[in-house]
C-alpha cells in the first residue's frame, strides 16, 4: 500500500513538471519555425 502511495505522489509531482516542460518545448518549436521563416 505504501509503495502505491509513493508512486502516486511521484506522478502528481511529475505531471506538474511535465506541463511546464511541454510549454517550453512548444515555445522552442515555435521559435525554431519562426527562425526558419525569417532566415529563409
Protein backbone atom coordinates (compact mmCIF):
# COMPACT_ATOMS: atom_id res chain seq x y z
CA UNK A 1 0.00 0.00 0.00
CA UNK A 2 2.75 2.46 0.95
CA UNK A 3 4.56 1.83 -2.35
CA UNK A 4 1.43 2.72 -4.35
CA UNK A 5 1.08 5.92 -2.33
CA UNK A 6 4.71 6.89 -3.11
CA UNK A 7 4.26 6.31 -6.84
CA UNK A 8 1.03 8.38 -6.76
CA UNK A 9 2.87 11.30 -5.10
CA UNK A 10 5.66 10.92 -7.68
CA UNK A 11 3.22 11.09 -10.59
CA UNK A 12 1.43 14.18 -9.23
CA UNK A 13 4.82 15.93 -8.92
CA UNK A 14 5.93 14.68 -12.36
CA UNK A 15 2.74 15.90 -14.06
CA UNK A 16 3.39 19.40 -12.71
CA UNK A 17 6.94 19.36 -14.18
CA UNK A 18 5.75 17.76 -17.44
CA UNK A 19 3.17 20.51 -18.09
CA UNK A 20 5.85 23.23 -17.81
CA UNK A 21 8.27 21.17 -19.94
CA UNK A 22 5.62 20.77 -22.66
CA UNK A 23 5.09 24.56 -22.67
CA UNK A 24 8.85 25.11 -23.00
CA UNK A 25 9.06 22.61 -25.90
CA UNK A 26 6.13 24.33 -27.68
CA UNK A 27 7.85 27.73 -27.27
CA UNK A 28 11.13 26.26 -28.59
CA UNK A 29 9.42 24.67 -31.62
CA UNK A 30 7.55 27.92 -32.44
CA UNK A 31 10.83 29.85 -32.10
CA UNK A 32 12.66 27.46 -34.44
CA UNK A 33 9.86 27.65 -37.03
CA UNK A 34 9.84 31.46 -36.84
CA UNK A 35 13.64 31.49 -37.18
CA UNK A 36 13.48 29.30 -40.30
CA UNK A 37 10.80 31.54 -41.83
CA UNK A 38 12.77 34.74 -41.04
CA UNK A 39 16.17 33.44 -42.26
CA UNK A 40 14.89 31.66 -45.40
